[in-house]
N, C-alpha and C. Protein backbone atom coordinates (compact mmCIF):
# COMPACT_ATOMS: atom_id res chain seq x y z
N MET A 1 64.28 56.96 131.24
CA MET A 1 64.52 57.11 129.82
C MET A 1 64.72 58.59 129.50
N GLU A 2 65.74 58.89 128.70
CA GLU A 2 66.02 60.29 128.35
C GLU A 2 65.12 60.78 127.23
N ASP A 3 64.81 62.07 127.31
CA ASP A 3 64.07 62.68 126.21
C ASP A 3 65.06 62.97 125.08
N VAL A 4 64.65 62.68 123.88
CA VAL A 4 65.49 62.94 122.72
C VAL A 4 64.98 64.19 122.04
N GLN A 5 65.86 65.14 121.89
CA GLN A 5 65.47 66.39 121.22
C GLN A 5 65.85 66.29 119.76
N THR A 6 64.93 66.69 118.93
CA THR A 6 65.22 66.69 117.50
C THR A 6 65.03 68.09 116.96
N ARG A 7 65.87 68.40 115.99
CA ARG A 7 65.72 69.69 115.33
C ARG A 7 64.77 69.52 114.16
N PRO A 8 63.94 70.52 113.90
CA PRO A 8 63.07 70.41 112.73
C PRO A 8 63.92 70.44 111.46
N ALA A 9 63.47 69.74 110.46
CA ALA A 9 64.20 69.69 109.19
C ALA A 9 64.18 71.07 108.55
N ALA A 10 65.26 71.40 107.87
CA ALA A 10 65.34 72.68 107.18
C ALA A 10 64.37 72.68 106.01
N PRO A 11 63.73 73.80 105.76
CA PRO A 11 62.81 73.87 104.63
C PRO A 11 63.57 73.58 103.32
N ALA A 12 62.89 72.96 102.39
CA ALA A 12 63.51 72.58 101.12
C ALA A 12 63.99 73.81 100.35
N GLN A 13 63.38 74.95 100.57
CA GLN A 13 63.73 76.17 99.83
C GLN A 13 64.94 76.89 100.42
N GLU A 14 65.33 76.55 101.64
CA GLU A 14 66.45 77.22 102.29
C GLU A 14 67.75 76.90 101.56
N ARG A 15 68.54 77.91 101.30
CA ARG A 15 69.77 77.74 100.53
C ARG A 15 70.97 77.74 101.46
N VAL A 16 71.85 76.77 101.29
CA VAL A 16 73.05 76.67 102.10
C VAL A 16 74.18 77.34 101.33
N VAL A 17 74.90 78.23 101.99
CA VAL A 17 75.98 78.96 101.35
C VAL A 17 77.26 78.14 101.40
N ARG A 18 77.92 78.04 100.26
CA ARG A 18 79.20 77.32 100.20
C ARG A 18 80.25 78.11 100.95
N SER A 19 81.07 77.40 101.71
CA SER A 19 82.14 78.08 102.43
C SER A 19 83.51 77.75 101.86
N ASP A 20 83.59 76.73 101.02
CA ASP A 20 84.87 76.29 100.50
C ASP A 20 84.91 76.48 98.99
N LEU A 21 85.31 77.65 98.57
CA LEU A 21 85.31 77.97 97.14
C LEU A 21 86.39 77.22 96.39
N ARG A 22 87.48 76.88 97.06
CA ARG A 22 88.55 76.12 96.41
C ARG A 22 88.04 74.74 95.99
N THR A 23 87.35 74.06 96.91
CA THR A 23 86.80 72.74 96.58
C THR A 23 85.78 72.86 95.47
N ARG A 24 84.96 73.88 95.51
CA ARG A 24 83.98 74.09 94.44
C ARG A 24 84.67 74.20 93.09
N ASP A 25 85.74 74.98 93.02
CA ASP A 25 86.45 75.17 91.77
C ASP A 25 87.11 73.87 91.29
N LEU A 26 87.68 73.11 92.21
CA LEU A 26 88.30 71.83 91.85
C LEU A 26 87.25 70.85 91.34
N VAL A 27 86.11 70.78 92.01
CA VAL A 27 85.04 69.88 91.59
C VAL A 27 84.51 70.30 90.22
N ASN A 28 84.34 71.60 90.00
CA ASN A 28 83.88 72.07 88.69
C ASN A 28 84.85 71.62 87.60
N GLN A 29 86.13 71.76 87.86
CA GLN A 29 87.14 71.37 86.89
C GLN A 29 87.09 69.86 86.63
N ALA A 30 86.95 69.07 87.68
CA ALA A 30 86.90 67.61 87.53
C ALA A 30 85.65 67.17 86.77
N VAL A 31 84.51 67.74 87.11
CA VAL A 31 83.26 67.37 86.44
C VAL A 31 83.34 67.72 84.96
N ALA A 32 83.91 68.88 84.66
CA ALA A 32 84.04 69.29 83.26
C ALA A 32 84.98 68.37 82.48
N SER A 33 85.93 67.76 83.16
CA SER A 33 86.90 66.90 82.48
C SER A 33 86.44 65.46 82.29
N VAL A 34 85.34 65.07 82.92
CA VAL A 34 84.87 63.68 82.83
C VAL A 34 84.65 63.22 81.39
N PRO A 35 83.99 64.01 80.54
CA PRO A 35 83.78 63.53 79.16
C PRO A 35 85.09 63.30 78.39
N THR A 36 86.11 64.06 78.69
CA THR A 36 87.38 63.95 77.98
C THR A 36 88.32 62.92 78.61
N LEU A 37 88.49 63.01 79.93
CA LEU A 37 89.48 62.18 80.62
C LEU A 37 88.91 60.92 81.25
N GLY A 38 87.63 60.93 81.54
CA GLY A 38 87.00 59.79 82.18
C GLY A 38 86.85 59.98 83.67
N LEU A 39 85.99 59.16 84.24
CA LEU A 39 85.66 59.25 85.65
C LEU A 39 86.85 58.95 86.56
N GLN A 40 87.62 57.94 86.20
CA GLN A 40 88.75 57.55 87.06
C GLN A 40 89.78 58.66 87.14
N ARG A 41 90.13 59.26 86.02
CA ARG A 41 91.12 60.35 86.04
C ARG A 41 90.61 61.56 86.82
N ALA A 42 89.33 61.87 86.66
CA ALA A 42 88.74 62.98 87.41
C ALA A 42 88.80 62.70 88.91
N ALA A 43 88.51 61.46 89.30
CA ALA A 43 88.57 61.08 90.71
C ALA A 43 90.00 61.14 91.23
N GLU A 44 90.95 60.70 90.42
CA GLU A 44 92.36 60.77 90.82
C GLU A 44 92.81 62.22 91.01
N PHE A 45 92.34 63.09 90.13
CA PHE A 45 92.67 64.51 90.26
C PHE A 45 92.15 65.06 91.59
N LEU A 46 90.89 64.78 91.91
CA LEU A 46 90.33 65.29 93.16
C LEU A 46 91.06 64.71 94.37
N ALA A 47 91.42 63.44 94.30
CA ALA A 47 92.17 62.83 95.41
C ALA A 47 93.53 63.50 95.57
N ALA A 48 94.20 63.78 94.45
CA ALA A 48 95.51 64.43 94.50
C ALA A 48 95.41 65.85 95.06
N MET A 49 94.26 66.46 94.88
CA MET A 49 94.05 67.83 95.38
C MET A 49 93.43 67.85 96.77
N ASN A 50 93.39 66.68 97.42
CA ASN A 50 92.89 66.55 98.80
C ASN A 50 91.42 66.91 98.99
N VAL A 51 90.62 66.66 97.96
CA VAL A 51 89.18 66.82 98.11
C VAL A 51 88.67 65.58 98.84
N PRO A 52 87.88 65.72 99.89
CA PRO A 52 87.39 64.56 100.62
C PRO A 52 86.70 63.56 99.69
N ALA A 53 86.96 62.28 99.92
CA ALA A 53 86.43 61.22 99.05
C ALA A 53 84.91 61.26 98.95
N GLU A 54 84.24 61.54 100.06
CA GLU A 54 82.78 61.60 100.06
C GLU A 54 82.27 62.65 99.08
N ILE A 55 82.92 63.80 99.06
CA ILE A 55 82.52 64.88 98.15
C ILE A 55 82.85 64.50 96.72
N ALA A 56 84.03 63.94 96.50
CA ALA A 56 84.44 63.56 95.15
C ALA A 56 83.48 62.54 94.55
N VAL A 57 83.16 61.51 95.30
CA VAL A 57 82.25 60.48 94.79
C VAL A 57 80.87 61.06 94.52
N ARG A 58 80.35 61.81 95.47
CA ARG A 58 79.01 62.38 95.32
C ARG A 58 78.91 63.28 94.09
N THR A 59 79.92 64.11 93.88
CA THR A 59 79.84 65.08 92.78
C THR A 59 80.14 64.46 91.42
N LEU A 60 80.98 63.45 91.38
CA LEU A 60 81.30 62.82 90.10
C LEU A 60 80.24 61.81 89.67
N VAL A 61 79.70 61.08 90.62
CA VAL A 61 78.72 60.04 90.28
C VAL A 61 77.32 60.64 90.10
N TYR A 62 77.01 61.68 90.87
CA TYR A 62 75.69 62.31 90.81
C TYR A 62 75.82 63.81 90.50
N PRO A 63 76.34 64.19 89.35
CA PRO A 63 76.56 65.63 89.08
C PRO A 63 75.28 66.44 89.03
N HIS A 64 74.14 65.82 88.72
CA HIS A 64 72.88 66.54 88.66
C HIS A 64 72.37 66.92 90.05
N ARG A 65 72.94 66.37 91.11
CA ARG A 65 72.53 66.69 92.49
C ARG A 65 73.33 67.84 93.07
N ARG A 66 74.27 68.37 92.32
CA ARG A 66 75.12 69.44 92.85
C ARG A 66 74.35 70.72 93.08
N ARG A 67 74.81 71.49 94.04
CA ARG A 67 74.23 72.81 94.30
C ARG A 67 74.59 73.74 93.15
N ARG A 68 73.75 74.66 92.87
CA ARG A 68 74.01 75.65 91.82
C ARG A 68 74.58 76.90 92.45
N GLY A 69 75.37 77.61 91.67
CA GLY A 69 75.88 78.90 92.14
C GLY A 69 77.24 78.78 92.57
């Protein structure tokens, strides 16, 4: 039987630096437009701008979980 190595979980206080500022800006724009245009239009915008679906869904459906900064 092989030994399984696990990495310790990152501390909750550790901050991850964003590397994709373009996606951040697109998501900010889409989230800001939800009250005016609606969720579907915001999602269509992100899809048209090639934002990965996983990111689009996570940020539009759970905006309070987004990273700050």
